[in-house]
C-alpha cells in the first residue's frame, strides 16, 4: 500500500505546485493547507478539481473539508477503492 500512497502524494505535489504555487519541499503528509498558504477559495477550487478527477459523474451535496495533505490523499484513496 505504500507505493500507491507515494504515487498519490506525487500527483498532489504536482497539482499543488502547478496550480497553487506551493513549494514542493513543504508538501508532506503532515502539512496543513494553511502551512501551504492555500486560501479558502483555493480549497474550494482544489475540492472541485479532485472531484472532477476522481468522481466525474456526480457532484457532491457537500464539498469535503480538507485541512491537510493527508486529508487529500485519503480522499483519493477512498475514491480509488
C-alpha atoms as a PDB file:
ATOM      1  CA  UNK A   1       0.000   0.000   0.000  1.00  0.00           C
ATOM      2  CA  UNK A   2       2.974   2.321   0.409  1.00  0.00           C
ATOM      3  CA  UNK A   3       3.600   2.564  -3.349  1.00  0.00           C
ATOM      4  CA  UNK A   4       0.098   3.835  -4.251  1.00  0.00           C
ATOM      5  CA  UNK A   5       0.302   6.307  -1.362  1.00  0.00           C
ATOM      6  CA  UNK A   6       3.575   7.644  -2.767  1.00  0.00           C
ATOM      7  CA  UNK A   7       2.016   7.962  -6.223  1.00  0.00           C
ATOM      8  CA  UNK A   8      -0.939   9.906  -4.843  1.00  0.00           C
ATOM      9  CA  UNK A   9       1.357  12.220  -2.904  1.00  0.00           C
ATOM     10  CA  UNK A  10       3.387  12.831  -6.067  1.00  0.00           C
ATOM     11  CA  UNK A  11       0.234  13.648  -8.047  1.00  0.00           C
ATOM     12  CA  UNK A  12      -0.886  16.059  -5.345  1.00  0.00           C
ATOM     13  CA  UNK A  13       2.556  17.641  -5.200  1.00  0.00           C
ATOM     14  CA  UNK A  14       2.399  18.369  -8.927  1.00  0.00           C
ATOM     15  CA  UNK A  15      -1.135  19.725  -8.641  1.00  0.00           C
ATOM     16  CA  UNK A  16      -0.343  21.899  -5.619  1.00  0.00           C
ATOM     17  CA  UNK A  17       2.840  23.307  -7.135  1.00  0.00           C
ATOM     18  CA  UNK A  18       1.485  23.852 -10.656  1.00  0.00           C
ATOM     19  CA  UNK A  19      -1.967  25.141  -9.788  1.00  0.00           C
ATOM     20  CA  UNK A  20      -1.461  26.853  -6.438  1.00  0.00           C
ATOM     21  CA  UNK A  21       2.246  27.752  -6.424  1.00  0.00           C
ATOM     22  CA  UNK A  22       3.139  25.677  -3.363  1.00  0.00           C
ATOM     23  CA  UNK A  23       6.771  24.904  -2.584  1.00  0.00           C
ATOM     24  CA  UNK A  24       7.212  21.166  -3.288  1.00  0.00           C
ATOM     25  CA  UNK A  25       9.681  20.883  -0.405  1.00  0.00           C
ATOM     26  CA  UNK A  26       6.910  21.884   2.019  1.00  0.00           C
ATOM     27  CA  UNK A  27       4.365  19.338   0.764  1.00  0.00           C
ATOM     28  CA  UNK A  28       4.319  16.432   3.199  1.00  0.00           C
ATOM     29  CA  UNK A  29       1.531  14.257   4.543  1.00  0.00           C
ATOM     30  CA  UNK A  30       1.553  16.298   7.763  1.00  0.00           C
ATOM     31  CA  UNK A  31       1.485  19.711   6.047  1.00  0.00           C
ATOM     32  CA  UNK A  32      -1.677  21.682   6.645  1.00  0.00           C
ATOM     33  CA  UNK A  33      -3.211  23.603   3.793  1.00  0.00           C
ATOM     34  CA  UNK A  34      -2.733  26.703   5.929  1.00  0.00           C
ATOM     35  CA  UNK A  35       1.010  25.925   6.035  1.00  0.00           C
ATOM     36  CA  UNK A  36       0.947  25.751   2.237  1.00  0.00           C
ATOM     37  CA  UNK A  37      -0.869  29.129   2.068  1.00  0.00           C
ATOM     38  CA  UNK A  38      -3.937  27.654   0.377  1.00  0.00           C
ATOM     39  CA  UNK A  39      -6.843  30.079   0.838  1.00  0.00           C
ATOM     40  CA  UNK A  40     -10.457  29.090   1.457  1.00  0.00           C
ATOM     41  CA  UNK A  41     -11.311  29.908  -2.171  1.00  0.00           C
ATOM     42  CA  UNK A  42      -8.405  27.793  -3.380  1.00  0.00           C
ATOM     43  CA  UNK A  43      -9.555  24.915  -1.143  1.00  0.00           C
ATOM     44  CA  UNK A  44     -12.915  25.028  -2.883  1.00  0.00           C
ATOM     45  CA  UNK A  45     -11.156  25.013  -6.278  1.00  0.00           C
ATOM     46  CA  UNK A  46      -8.982  22.121  -5.104  1.00  0.00           C
ATOM     47  CA  UNK A  47     -12.029  20.144  -3.949  1.00  0.00           C
ATOM     48  CA  UNK A  48     -13.689  20.713  -7.318  1.00  0.00           C
ATOM     49  CA  UNK A  49     -10.557  19.631  -9.186  1.00  0.00           C
ATOM     50  CA  UNK A  50     -10.219  16.448  -7.160  1.00  0.00           C
ATOM     51  CA  UNK A  51     -13.901  15.705  -7.528  1.00  0.00           C
ATOM     52  CA  UNK A  52     -13.694  16.104 -11.311  1.00  0.00           C
ATOM     53  CA  UNK A  53     -10.579  13.946 -11.478  1.00  0.00           C
ATOM     54  CA  UNK A  54     -11.855  11.074  -9.354  1.00  0.00           C
ATOM     55  CA  UNK A  55     -15.668  11.228  -9.453  1.00  0.00           C
ATOM     56  CA  UNK A  56     -16.636  12.975 -12.688  1.00  0.00           C
ATOM     57  CA  UNK A  57     -20.169  11.583 -12.854  1.00  0.00           C
ATOM     58  CA  UNK A  58     -21.590  13.179  -9.707  1.00  0.00           C
ATOM     59  CA  UNK A  59     -21.379  16.419  -7.812  1.00  0.00           C
ATOM     60  CA  UNK A  60     -21.496  16.254  -4.026  1.00  0.00           C
ATOM     61  CA  UNK A  61     -24.194  17.738  -1.824  1.00  0.00           C
ATOM     62  CA  UNK A  62     -21.393  18.986   0.416  1.00  0.00           C
ATOM     63  CA  UNK A  63     -17.774  19.554  -0.517  1.00  0.00           C
ATOM     64  CA  UNK A  64     -15.216  17.662   1.553  1.00  0.00           C
ATOM     65  CA  UNK A  65     -13.323  19.746   4.081  1.00  0.00           C
ATOM     66  CA  UNK A  66      -9.622  19.360   3.514  1.00  0.00           C
ATOM     67  CA  UNK A  67      -7.245  20.587   6.189  1.00  0.00           C
ATOM     68  CA  UNK A  68      -4.059  18.637   5.429  1.00  0.00           C
ATOM     69  CA  UNK A  69      -2.311  16.892   2.555  1.00  0.00           C
ATOM     70  CA  UNK A  70      -3.158  13.650   4.357  1.00  0.00           C
ATOM     71  CA  UNK A  71      -6.882  14.545   4.001  1.00  0.00           C
ATOM     72  CA  UNK A  72      -6.370  14.970   0.247  1.00  0.00           C
ATOM     73  CA  UNK A  73      -4.557  11.637  -0.087  1.00  0.00           C
ATOM     74  CA  UNK A  74      -7.268   9.936   1.996  1.00  0.00           C
ATOM     75  CA  UNK A  75      -9.949  11.316  -0.324  1.00  0.00           C
ATOM     76  CA  UNK A  76      -8.117   9.963  -3.354  1.00  0.00           C
ATOM     77  CA  UNK A  77      -7.584   6.568  -1.711  1.00  0.00           C
ATOM     78  CA  UNK A  78     -11.288   6.363  -0.810  1.00  0.00           C
ATOM     79  CA  UNK A  79     -12.287   7.103  -4.393  1.00  0.00           C
ATOM     80  CA  UNK A  80      -9.857   4.584  -5.856  1.00  0.00           C
ATOM     81  CA  UNK A  81     -11.264   1.916  -3.549  1.00  0.00           C
END
